[in-house]
Amino acid sequence: MQYQNKKIPGLVIAGLRGGNGKTVISLGVAAAWRDIGINVAPFKKGPDYIDAGWLSKAAGRSCYNLDTFMCSTDQAKKSFHKNSAMADIAVIEGNRGLYDGIDIQGRTSTAEIAKLLNLPVILVLDCTKSTRTMAALLLGCIHFDPHVNIMGVILNRVAGKRHENKVKDNIKQFCNIPVFGSVPKLKAEDFPERHMGLVPSAEHELALESIKAAARVAKKHIDLDGLYRACINASKSQARVPSAAIPPQDILCEKCGKKASLSFDTLTNTSLGKEGKTAQIHPTKRPHIPKKERPIIGVIRDSAFQFYYPDNLESLEESGAILQEISPLKIPNVPSVDAIYMGGGFPETHAAQLADNESFRNQLKALAMKGLPIYAECGGLIFLGKSLTLNGVTYPMADILPISFGLSQRPVGHGYTQVRVIQDNPFFPKGTLIRGHEFRYSHIIDIEYQESEMAFAMERGKGIIDNKDGFCHYNVFGTYTHTLSSCASSWSHAMVKQALLYKKQK
């Protein structure tokens, strides 16, 4: 099916910076439209799990991440068209400021996503203690890149009608674009924050009430009908606009040391061939696996481990796996599965409960030593370690990987990663370049490893230790790097292959 043949109306909700309230407004718009029967396809620009979880609840369907660092532009477009094909409208929440990216060209910015998908932008303006300056900032954004269609604005955190009117009058006078709404400052308890952003929705007992509250705010303070009509009209009339030029990057062949020019768009999921030339690793067609022979992959998923891209789970199913959710917080025994996928999360908030479930921990270690394939990211990596120390108290973990963890007050690893696979392992071909991201507060207290056990060399990012990541021990792989399977589809095929091998071995 050629998803790109259908033009889906949509909008990108962006801000001048992070923390200006665009998430709450995105939730409110998506939930309010959903309440009147509009089928909203939600997306989050960037690698954020938490905002995506809230957007999924607001829209009543999976939220997909769009990221032009981890994926090529073609992969990002394919994901957008595929996952919005059956919707009435798409809502993409941006991240950070509209033009913020990894470099001076603005690559990976929210603006580039808007241009790539040919969608209009609604700019959220935090009007705290400001009036006329809002028009100046908005005017700068409009002229900074004329190819970005800033269709209108929503004022946020206004201090009353007088404040609102002053800001509106200045925007009308100097910018001449619509103001689609004016939202007052909301109470903090409606959307509590943790770390970078909102508390994970799975941990927030009043999540649905918060979504309803955001919808009420949107219905009361935003012209939802006018905004919807503007998006429909934009989809009919907007011309295709160029994205920023993306220069090539040089990498060195591991074997011959020669430079291989590799474009930004094709860097992800590639391997180095002979003479330093690059070869794209194309997804292989999933072989037919009879239903009774399909392997079962256990997904560790609960309030402690909740960070999963829907792309990754769907990719495992498309590769032939049957997924079964498992919670070490709720069950004493590891069920009969052929592999385990452990995502990220906040195991530190459940450390005592995880430690108390000794039966589960011991069984998982015994299975790992017998060859059960386990792939773990970040929080999952911590659970596979020896222990986690919090506030002077040490909690035993599964003791599969010889790592003892602690928790810092500030991020230890934060941002995009780029890794080269330098050691043989069950999940990634040697020589592959992978792009992902890391975000962690945990740090290494003690670790024992051989060089051959660290599969990743960090070319960008921090990793586990000494610019290394991807601890491979037994048939277990633990990493701080999160990857998006729509950009590295060979991972899901490898997971299913390892699960099938283990299933036969059993």
Protein backbone atom coordinates (compact mmCIF):
# COMPACT_ATOMS: atom_id res chain seq x y z
CA MET A 1 0.00 0.00 0.00
CA GLN A 2 1.38 3.40 -1.02
CA TYR A 3 0.44 5.50 2.00
CA GLN A 4 2.10 8.63 0.62
CA ASN A 5 -0.54 8.93 -2.11
CA LYS A 6 -3.11 10.17 0.40
CA LYS A 7 -2.73 13.72 1.68
CA ILE A 8 -3.70 13.89 5.34
CA PRO A 9 -4.35 17.35 6.81
CA GLY A 10 -2.41 18.13 9.92
CA LEU A 11 -0.52 20.66 11.98
CA VAL A 12 2.69 20.95 13.93
CA ILE A 13 2.33 22.49 17.39
CA ALA A 14 5.63 24.17 18.23
CA GLY A 15 7.07 26.64 20.71
CA LEU A 16 9.91 29.11 21.14
CA ARG A 17 11.59 26.82 23.66
CA GLY A 18 11.05 23.74 25.75
CA GLY A 19 8.68 24.06 28.71
CA ASN A 20 6.41 26.68 27.17
CA GLY A 21 3.26 24.56 27.51
CA LYS A 22 2.95 23.09 24.03
CA THR A 23 2.45 19.55 25.38
CA VAL A 24 -0.64 20.46 27.41
CA ILE A 25 -2.06 22.40 24.46
CA SER A 26 -1.33 19.49 22.09
CA LEU A 27 -3.10 17.13 24.49
CA GLY A 28 -6.06 19.45 24.80
CA VAL A 29 -6.48 19.91 21.05
CA ALA A 30 -6.16 16.18 20.32
CA ALA A 31 -8.56 15.17 23.12
CA ALA A 32 -11.11 17.88 22.29
CA TRP A 33 -11.19 16.92 18.63
CA ARG A 34 -11.48 13.27 19.58
CA ASP A 35 -14.47 14.11 21.81
CA ILE A 36 -16.44 15.40 18.80
CA GLY A 37 -15.62 12.37 16.65
CA ILE A 38 -12.51 13.55 14.80
CA ASN A 39 -9.99 10.75 14.35
CA VAL A 40 -6.66 12.28 15.37
CA ALA A 41 -3.31 10.65 14.51
CA PRO A 42 -0.81 11.84 17.16
CA PHE A 43 2.93 12.18 16.62
CA LYS A 44 5.82 13.42 18.72
CA LYS A 45 8.82 15.04 17.09
CA GLY A 46 11.98 13.64 18.63
CA PRO A 47 12.75 10.62 20.81
CA ASP A 48 10.47 11.50 23.75
CA TYR A 49 8.56 8.60 25.36
CA ILE A 50 6.68 10.53 28.03
CA ASP A 51 4.94 13.13 25.88
CA ALA A 52 4.16 10.40 23.34
CA GLY A 53 2.46 8.34 26.07
CA TRP A 54 0.23 11.26 27.03
CA LEU A 55 -0.59 12.03 23.38
CA SER A 56 -1.56 8.41 22.86
CA LYS A 57 -4.04 8.63 25.75
CA ALA A 58 -5.42 11.93 24.47
CA ALA A 59 -6.00 10.68 20.92
CA GLY A 60 -7.02 7.14 21.87
CA ARG A 61 -4.48 5.55 19.53
CA SER A 62 -0.74 4.95 19.38
CA CYS A 63 1.52 7.97 19.12
CA TYR A 64 4.53 7.57 16.83
CA ASN A 65 7.83 9.42 17.04
CA LEU A 66 9.20 11.31 14.05
CA ASP A 67 12.94 11.85 14.21
CA THR A 68 15.27 12.81 11.38
CA PHE A 69 18.40 12.07 13.38
CA MET A 70 17.61 8.45 14.17
CA CYS A 71 15.86 7.94 10.82
CA SER A 72 16.35 9.15 7.27
CA THR A 73 13.88 11.71 5.94
CA ASP A 74 12.34 9.01 3.74
CA GLN A 75 11.80 6.77 6.78
CA ALA A 76 10.23 9.65 8.72
CA LYS A 77 7.86 10.43 5.84
CA LYS A 78 6.94 6.79 5.46
CA SER A 79 6.14 6.53 9.18
CA PHE A 80 3.98 9.64 9.06
CA HIS A 81 1.97 8.56 6.02
CA LYS A 82 1.58 4.98 7.22
CA ASN A 83 0.45 5.90 10.72
CA SER A 84 -1.90 8.72 9.71
CA ALA A 85 -3.45 7.01 6.68
CA MET A 86 -6.79 6.19 8.36
CA ALA A 87 -7.09 9.42 10.36
CA ASP A 88 -8.98 12.65 9.75
CA ILE A 89 -6.10 14.86 10.87
CA ALA A 90 -2.59 14.55 12.27
CA VAL A 91 -1.26 16.45 15.27
CA ILE A 92 2.51 16.60 15.67
CA GLU A 93 3.92 18.00 18.87
CA GLY A 94 7.34 19.56 18.34
CA ASN A 95 10.20 19.61 20.81
CA ARG A 96 12.32 22.45 22.17
CA GLY A 97 12.17 25.62 20.08
CA LEU A 98 10.81 25.61 16.54
CA TYR A 99 14.22 26.03 14.90
CA ASP A 100 16.37 24.19 17.46
CA GLY A 101 18.43 21.34 16.03
CA ILE A 102 21.79 19.66 16.44
CA ASP A 103 23.70 22.24 14.39
CA ILE A 104 23.61 25.69 12.83
CA GLN A 105 21.71 24.37 9.80
CA GLY A 106 18.81 23.39 12.04
CA ARG A 107 18.88 19.77 10.97
CA THR A 108 16.56 17.61 13.08
CA SER A 109 14.52 20.69 14.14
CA THR A 110 10.75 20.83 14.41
CA ALA A 111 10.77 23.33 11.52
CA GLU A 112 12.44 20.75 9.28
CA ILE A 113 9.77 18.17 10.13
CA ALA A 114 7.08 20.72 9.22
CA LYS A 115 8.77 21.39 5.88
CA LEU A 116 9.44 17.72 5.22
CA LEU A 117 5.76 16.83 5.70
CA ASN A 118 4.47 20.07 4.18
CA LEU A 119 2.40 20.91 7.26
CA PRO A 120 1.49 24.27 8.81
CA VAL A 121 2.83 25.30 12.20
CA ILE A 122 0.88 26.63 15.16
CA LEU A 123 3.26 28.44 17.46
CA VAL A 124 2.57 28.39 21.19
CA LEU A 125 3.71 31.66 22.79
CA ASP A 126 4.41 31.74 26.50
CA CYS A 127 3.27 35.29 27.27
CA THR A 128 4.45 35.36 30.89
CA LYS A 129 5.34 38.98 31.78
CA SER A 130 5.46 40.02 28.13
CA THR A 131 3.23 41.83 25.61
CA ARG A 132 4.73 43.65 22.59
CA THR A 133 7.86 41.50 22.66
CA MET A 134 5.72 38.51 21.69
CA ALA A 135 5.06 40.17 18.33
CA ALA A 136 8.77 40.79 17.85
CA LEU A 137 9.67 37.19 18.59
CA LEU A 138 6.88 35.92 16.35
CA LEU A 139 7.94 38.21 13.52
CA GLY A 140 11.47 36.91 13.81
CA CYS A 141 10.25 33.31 13.55
CA ILE A 142 8.14 34.13 10.49
CA HIS A 143 11.06 35.70 8.61
CA PHE A 144 13.79 33.36 9.89
CA ASP A 145 12.76 30.71 7.35
CA PRO A 146 10.08 31.82 4.87
CA HIS A 147 9.53 28.20 3.82
CA VAL A 148 8.03 27.39 7.24
CA ASN A 149 4.30 28.08 7.17
CA ILE A 150 3.50 29.59 10.59
CA MET A 151 -0.26 29.53 10.15
CA GLY A 152 -1.17 31.06 13.51
CA VAL A 153 -0.47 31.18 17.21
CA ILE A 154 -1.97 30.15 20.53
CA LEU A 155 -1.19 32.40 23.46
CA ASN A 156 -0.33 30.59 26.67
CA ARG A 157 -0.12 31.59 30.33
CA VAL A 158 -1.89 34.91 29.84
CA ALA A 159 -2.63 36.88 33.00
CA GLY A 160 -6.10 38.15 32.16
CA LYS A 161 -8.16 39.84 29.47
CA ARG A 162 -6.16 43.06 29.47
CA HIS A 163 -2.91 41.15 29.02
CA GLU A 164 -4.46 39.01 26.28
CA ASN A 165 -5.75 42.01 24.32
CA LYS A 166 -2.37 43.77 24.41
CA VAL A 167 -0.61 40.75 22.98
CA LYS A 168 -3.31 40.19 20.34
CA ASP A 169 -3.26 43.83 19.22
CA ASN A 170 0.51 43.74 18.73
CA ILE A 171 0.39 40.47 16.78
CA LYS A 172 -2.37 41.85 14.56
CA GLN A 173 -0.47 45.11 13.96
CA PHE A 174 2.97 43.66 13.24
CA CYS A 175 2.50 40.02 12.22
CA ASN A 176 -0.96 39.79 10.65
CA ILE A 177 -1.59 36.13 11.45
CA PRO A 178 -4.51 34.58 13.37
CA VAL A 179 -4.55 34.03 17.11
CA PHE A 180 -6.45 30.76 17.53
CA GLY A 181 -6.64 30.85 21.30
CA SER A 182 -5.54 32.32 24.59
CA VAL A 183 -4.92 29.94 27.50
CA PRO A 184 -4.52 31.11 31.11
CA LYS A 185 -1.87 29.71 33.44
CA LEU A 186 -2.90 26.21 34.56
CA LYS A 187 -2.49 24.67 38.00
CA ALA A 188 0.67 22.61 38.40
CA GLU A 189 -1.11 19.63 39.93
CA ASP A 190 -2.97 18.98 36.67
CA PHE A 191 0.25 17.93 34.95
CA PRO A 192 3.08 17.15 37.40
CA GLU A 193 6.60 17.08 35.96
CA ARG A 194 9.51 14.71 36.35
CA HIS A 195 13.00 14.98 34.90
CA MET A 196 12.65 16.55 31.42
CA GLY A 197 8.90 16.75 31.14
CA LEU A 198 5.63 15.28 32.25
CA VAL A 199 5.30 12.34 34.60
CA PRO A 200 4.71 9.13 32.59
CA SER A 201 0.97 8.75 32.14
CA ALA A 202 1.14 5.16 33.42
CA GLU A 203 2.35 6.47 36.79
CA HIS A 204 -0.16 9.27 37.06
CA GLU A 205 -3.28 7.98 38.81
CA LEU A 206 -5.41 10.83 37.48
CA ALA A 207 -4.12 10.59 33.89
CA LEU A 208 -7.55 10.40 32.29
CA GLU A 209 -8.83 13.23 34.46
CA SER A 210 -5.85 15.31 33.39
CA ILE A 211 -6.61 14.60 29.73
CA LYS A 212 -10.22 15.63 30.30
CA ALA A 213 -9.03 18.80 31.99
CA ALA A 214 -6.79 19.63 29.03
CA ALA A 215 -9.72 19.03 26.66
CA ARG A 216 -11.91 21.38 28.69
CA VAL A 217 -9.21 24.05 28.54
CA ALA A 218 -8.93 23.65 24.77
CA LYS A 219 -12.70 23.81 24.26
CA LYS A 220 -12.97 26.91 26.39
CA HIS A 221 -9.94 28.87 25.25
CA ILE A 222 -9.07 27.68 21.70
CA ASP A 223 -11.05 28.16 18.47
CA LEU A 224 -11.03 24.47 17.62
CA ASP A 225 -13.40 24.80 14.66
CA GLY A 226 -11.37 27.61 13.13
CA LEU A 227 -8.14 25.71 13.70
CA TYR A 228 -9.53 22.57 12.07
CA ARG A 229 -10.81 24.49 9.03
CA ALA A 230 -7.46 26.25 8.67
CA CYS A 231 -5.67 22.88 8.62
CA ILE A 232 -8.05 21.51 6.00
CA ASN A 233 -7.56 24.59 3.81
CA ALA A 234 -3.78 24.43 4.22
CA SER A 235 -3.73 20.81 3.09
CA LYS A 236 -5.53 21.79 -0.09
CA SER A 237 -3.44 24.80 -1.00
CA GLN A 238 0.03 24.44 0.50
CA ALA A 239 2.85 24.04 -2.00
CA ARG A 240 5.75 21.71 -1.48
CA VAL A 241 8.63 23.44 0.29
CA PRO A 242 12.33 22.52 0.44
CA SER A 243 14.05 21.09 3.48
CA ALA A 244 17.48 22.25 4.56
CA ALA A 245 20.38 20.90 2.59
CA ILE A 246 22.06 18.05 4.42
CA PRO A 247 25.79 17.79 3.78
CA PRO A 248 27.56 14.43 3.76
CA GLN A 249 29.50 13.16 6.75
CA ASP A 250 32.81 11.32 6.58
CA ILE A 251 33.42 8.07 8.37
CA LEU A 252 36.39 5.73 8.21
CA CYS A 253 36.33 2.15 7.09
CA GLU A 254 37.32 -0.09 9.98
CA LYS A 255 39.39 -2.31 7.69
CA CYS A 256 41.22 0.04 5.34
CA GLY A 257 40.98 3.39 7.11
CA LYS A 258 39.77 5.22 3.98
CA LYS A 259 37.04 7.82 4.15
CA ALA A 260 33.56 6.85 3.07
CA SER A 261 31.23 9.74 2.33
CA LEU A 262 27.89 9.01 3.92
CA SER A 263 24.96 11.37 3.75
CA PHE A 264 23.07 12.38 6.86
CA ASP A 265 19.95 10.78 5.40
CA THR A 266 21.51 7.35 4.90
CA LEU A 267 23.73 7.13 7.95
CA THR A 268 21.33 5.11 10.05
CA ASN A 269 21.35 1.32 9.72
CA THR A 270 24.27 1.02 7.32
CA SER A 271 27.34 -1.14 7.24
CA LEU A 272 30.78 -0.60 5.79
CA GLY A 273 31.64 -2.74 2.83
CA LYS A 274 34.88 -3.33 0.97
CA GLU A 275 37.21 -0.38 0.35
CA GLY A 276 35.24 1.78 2.76
CA LYS A 277 32.12 1.95 0.58
CA THR A 278 28.79 1.96 2.35
CA ALA A 279 26.00 -0.48 1.81
CA GLN A 280 22.46 0.10 3.00
CA ILE A 281 21.04 -2.74 5.07
CA HIS A 282 17.60 -3.16 3.55
CA PRO A 283 14.89 -4.85 5.59
CA THR A 284 14.46 -8.43 4.50
CA LYS A 285 11.00 -9.78 3.88
CA ARG A 286 9.78 -11.77 6.85
CA PRO A 287 9.67 -15.46 6.02
CA HIS A 288 6.37 -17.16 6.61
CA ILE A 289 6.28 -18.71 10.06
CA PRO A 290 3.29 -20.97 10.81
CA LYS A 291 1.32 -19.62 13.75
CA LYS A 292 2.03 -22.61 15.97
CA GLU A 293 5.77 -22.18 15.35
CA ARG A 294 5.92 -18.43 15.94
CA PRO A 295 8.17 -17.60 18.89
CA ILE A 296 6.83 -15.86 21.98
CA ILE A 297 8.74 -12.75 23.00
CA GLY A 298 8.02 -11.54 26.50
CA VAL A 299 7.81 -7.76 26.84
CA ILE A 300 8.59 -6.52 30.36
CA ARG A 301 5.93 -3.84 30.65
CA ASP A 302 4.43 -2.17 33.71
CA SER A 303 4.79 1.11 35.59
CA ALA A 304 8.51 0.43 36.12
CA PHE A 305 9.26 -0.44 32.47
CA GLN A 306 7.03 1.49 30.12
CA PHE A 307 9.25 3.15 27.51
CA TYR A 308 8.58 1.37 24.22
CA TYR A 309 8.21 2.77 20.74
CA PRO A 310 5.11 1.24 19.12
CA ASP A 311 7.26 0.86 15.98
CA ASN A 312 9.52 -1.57 17.84
CA LEU A 313 6.69 -3.74 19.15
CA GLU A 314 4.92 -3.76 15.78
CA SER A 315 8.18 -4.59 14.02
CA LEU A 316 8.66 -7.64 16.23
CA GLU A 317 5.15 -8.83 15.36
CA GLU A 318 5.72 -8.17 11.66
CA SER A 319 8.92 -10.22 11.89
CA GLY A 320 6.90 -13.17 13.20
CA ALA A 321 6.82 -12.87 16.97
CA ILE A 322 3.89 -13.25 19.35
CA LEU A 323 4.22 -10.68 22.13
CA GLN A 324 3.33 -11.43 25.74
CA GLU A 325 3.49 -8.73 28.40
CA ILE A 326 5.24 -9.65 31.65
CA SER A 327 5.51 -7.69 34.89
CA PRO A 328 8.21 -8.45 37.47
CA LEU A 329 6.16 -6.27 39.80
CA LYS A 330 3.15 -8.57 39.66
CA ILE A 331 4.16 -12.18 38.99
CA PRO A 332 6.61 -14.45 40.87
CA ASN A 333 7.60 -16.63 37.92
CA VAL A 334 8.95 -16.02 34.42
CA PRO A 335 6.42 -17.50 31.97
CA SER A 336 7.46 -19.80 29.14
CA VAL A 337 8.81 -17.44 26.48
CA ASP A 338 11.46 -17.72 23.76
CA ALA A 339 13.05 -14.28 24.26
CA ILE A 340 12.58 -11.17 26.39
CA TYR A 341 12.56 -7.49 25.44
CA MET A 342 13.04 -5.06 28.34
CA GLY A 343 12.40 -1.38 27.65
CA GLY A 344 13.34 1.67 29.64
CA GLY A 345 11.48 3.35 32.45
CA PHE A 346 12.04 4.27 36.07
CA PRO A 347 13.04 1.10 37.96
CA GLU A 348 14.35 3.37 40.73
CA THR A 349 10.79 4.25 41.74
CA HIS A 350 10.03 0.53 42.14
CA ALA A 351 13.42 -0.69 43.36
CA ALA A 352 12.13 -2.21 46.61
CA GLN A 353 9.33 -4.07 44.86
CA LEU A 354 11.67 -5.39 42.15
CA ALA A 355 14.16 -6.51 44.81
CA ASP A 356 11.45 -8.25 46.85
CA ASN A 357 10.46 -10.42 43.88
CA GLU A 358 13.40 -12.75 44.42
CA SER A 359 11.75 -15.67 42.65
CA PHE A 360 11.40 -13.75 39.39
CA ARG A 361 14.95 -12.41 39.56
CA ASN A 362 16.46 -15.83 40.21
CA GLN A 363 14.47 -17.51 37.46
CA LEU A 364 15.41 -14.81 34.95
CA LYS A 365 19.11 -15.28 35.75
CA ALA A 366 18.86 -19.05 35.45
CA LEU A 367 17.15 -18.73 32.06
CA ALA A 368 19.74 -16.23 30.86
CA MET A 369 22.53 -18.65 31.74
CA LYS A 370 20.74 -21.31 29.69
CA GLY A 371 20.72 -19.05 26.63
CA LEU A 372 17.40 -17.19 26.78
CA PRO A 373 17.82 -14.17 24.45
CA ILE A 374 17.27 -10.93 26.37
CA TYR A 375 17.49 -7.43 24.91
CA ALA A 376 17.35 -4.56 27.41
CA GLU A 377 17.44 -0.77 27.12
CA CYS A 378 18.35 1.70 29.88
CA GLY A 379 15.94 0.87 32.74
CA GLY A 380 15.94 -2.74 31.56
CA LEU A 381 19.74 -2.68 31.63
CA ILE A 382 19.61 -1.60 35.29
CA PHE A 383 17.33 -4.51 36.18
CA LEU A 384 19.78 -6.93 34.57
CA GLY A 385 22.60 -5.59 36.75
CA LYS A 386 23.78 -6.75 40.18
CA SER A 387 22.24 -3.96 42.24
CA LEU A 388 20.82 -0.46 42.37
CA THR A 389 21.81 1.84 45.24
CA LEU A 390 19.46 4.66 46.21
CA ASN A 391 19.98 7.02 49.16
CA GLY A 392 22.45 4.65 50.77
CA VAL A 393 20.22 1.58 50.40
CA THR A 394 21.31 -1.16 47.98
CA TYR A 395 18.61 -3.19 46.23
CA PRO A 396 19.53 -6.48 44.52
CA MET A 397 18.60 -6.78 40.85
CA ALA A 398 18.71 -9.81 38.52
CA ASP A 399 22.54 -10.16 38.71
CA ILE A 400 22.88 -11.20 35.08
CA LEU A 401 25.29 -8.45 34.04
CA PRO A 402 28.15 -7.63 36.46
CA ILE A 403 27.24 -3.96 36.93
CA SER A 404 26.28 -2.09 40.10
CA PHE A 405 24.26 1.08 39.53
CA GLY A 406 23.63 4.26 41.47
CA LEU A 407 21.42 7.27 40.77
CA SER A 408 22.59 10.85 40.23
CA GLN A 409 20.71 14.08 40.78
CA ARG A 410 21.41 15.31 37.26
CA PRO A 411 21.43 13.55 33.86
CA VAL A 412 24.53 11.44 33.27
CA GLY A 413 23.81 10.72 29.61
CA HIS A 414 21.45 12.94 27.67
CA GLY A 415 20.92 13.29 23.92
CA TYR A 416 21.40 11.59 20.60
CA THR A 417 23.85 8.74 20.19
CA GLN A 418 25.72 7.21 17.31
CA VAL A 419 27.34 3.83 17.76
CA ARG A 420 29.48 1.56 15.65
CA VAL A 421 29.08 -2.20 16.20
CA ILE A 422 32.61 -3.45 16.80
CA GLN A 423 32.06 -6.86 18.39
CA ASP A 424 30.11 -9.92 17.36
CA ASN A 425 26.71 -10.16 19.06
CA PRO A 426 23.33 -11.80 18.41
CA PHE A 427 21.40 -8.66 17.40
CA PHE A 428 23.46 -6.35 15.14
CA PRO A 429 25.92 -7.14 12.33
CA LYS A 430 29.49 -6.10 13.03
CA GLY A 431 30.35 -2.84 11.26
CA THR A 432 26.81 -1.46 11.44
CA LEU A 433 26.34 2.21 12.30
CA ILE A 434 23.28 2.87 14.46
CA ARG A 435 21.72 6.13 15.56
CA GLY A 436 19.66 6.37 18.73
CA HIS A 437 19.41 8.37 21.93
CA GLU A 438 20.10 8.08 25.65
CA PHE A 439 18.61 9.75 28.69
CA ARG A 440 19.61 8.52 32.10
CA TYR A 441 20.25 9.57 35.66
CA SER A 442 21.87 6.27 36.62
CA HIS A 443 25.63 5.92 36.90
CA ILE A 444 28.04 3.00 37.17
CA ILE A 445 29.33 2.24 40.67
CA ASP A 446 31.19 -0.92 39.72
CA ILE A 447 31.55 -3.01 36.57
CA GLU A 448 33.49 -6.03 35.35
CA TYR A 449 33.78 -6.67 31.63
CA GLN A 450 36.03 -7.91 28.85
CA GLU A 451 36.60 -5.77 25.77
CA SER A 452 34.92 -8.43 23.65
CA GLU A 453 31.71 -8.04 25.69
CA MET A 454 31.11 -4.40 24.71
CA ALA A 455 29.55 -4.45 21.24
CA PHE A 456 29.19 -0.69 20.68
CA ALA A 457 31.86 1.98 20.28
CA MET A 458 30.29 5.39 20.97
CA GLU A 459 30.87 7.91 18.21
CA ARG A 460 28.38 10.27 19.84
CA GLY A 461 27.01 9.98 23.36
CA LYS A 462 28.26 8.50 26.62
CA GLY A 463 27.25 4.83 26.74
CA ILE A 464 27.90 2.53 29.70
CA ILE A 465 31.59 3.23 30.36
CA ASP A 466 34.74 4.41 28.52
CA ASN A 467 32.75 5.32 25.39
CA LYS A 468 31.46 1.77 25.13
CA ASP A 469 27.91 0.43 25.20
CA GLY A 470 26.02 -2.72 24.32
CA PHE A 471 27.11 -5.16 27.05
CA CYS A 472 26.73 -8.65 25.59
CA HIS A 473 26.97 -11.50 28.11
CA TYR A 474 25.56 -15.02 27.62
CA ASN A 475 22.80 -14.32 25.06
CA VAL A 476 21.92 -11.09 26.86
CA PHE A 477 22.35 -7.59 25.43
CA GLY A 478 22.05 -4.48 27.60
CA THR A 479 22.47 -0.92 26.34
CA TYR A 480 21.76 2.68 27.28
CA THR A 481 21.08 3.48 23.63
CA HIS A 482 17.43 3.42 22.58
CA THR A 483 16.84 2.69 18.90
CA LEU A 484 13.81 3.04 16.67
CA SER A 485 13.15 -0.15 14.71
CA SER A 486 11.62 1.68 11.76
CA CYS A 487 15.18 3.02 11.26
CA ALA A 488 16.98 -0.21 12.17
CA SER A 489 14.64 -2.99 11.14
CA SER A 490 17.37 -5.64 11.17
CA TRP A 491 17.05 -5.58 14.99
CA SER A 492 13.55 -7.07 15.02
CA HIS A 493 14.50 -9.78 12.54
CA ALA A 494 17.50 -10.68 14.70
CA MET A 495 15.34 -10.81 17.83
CA VAL A 496 12.92 -13.21 16.18
CA LYS A 497 15.77 -15.30 14.77
CA GLN A 498 17.33 -15.67 18.23
CA ALA A 499 13.94 -16.52 19.72
CA LEU A 500 13.40 -19.25 17.11
CA LEU A 501 16.83 -20.73 17.82
CA TYR A 502 16.10 -20.80 21.54
CA LYS A 503 12.65 -22.29 20.93
CA LYS A 504 14.22 -25.15 18.96
CA GLN A 505 16.86 -25.62 21.64
CA LYS A 506 14.16 -25.99 24.31
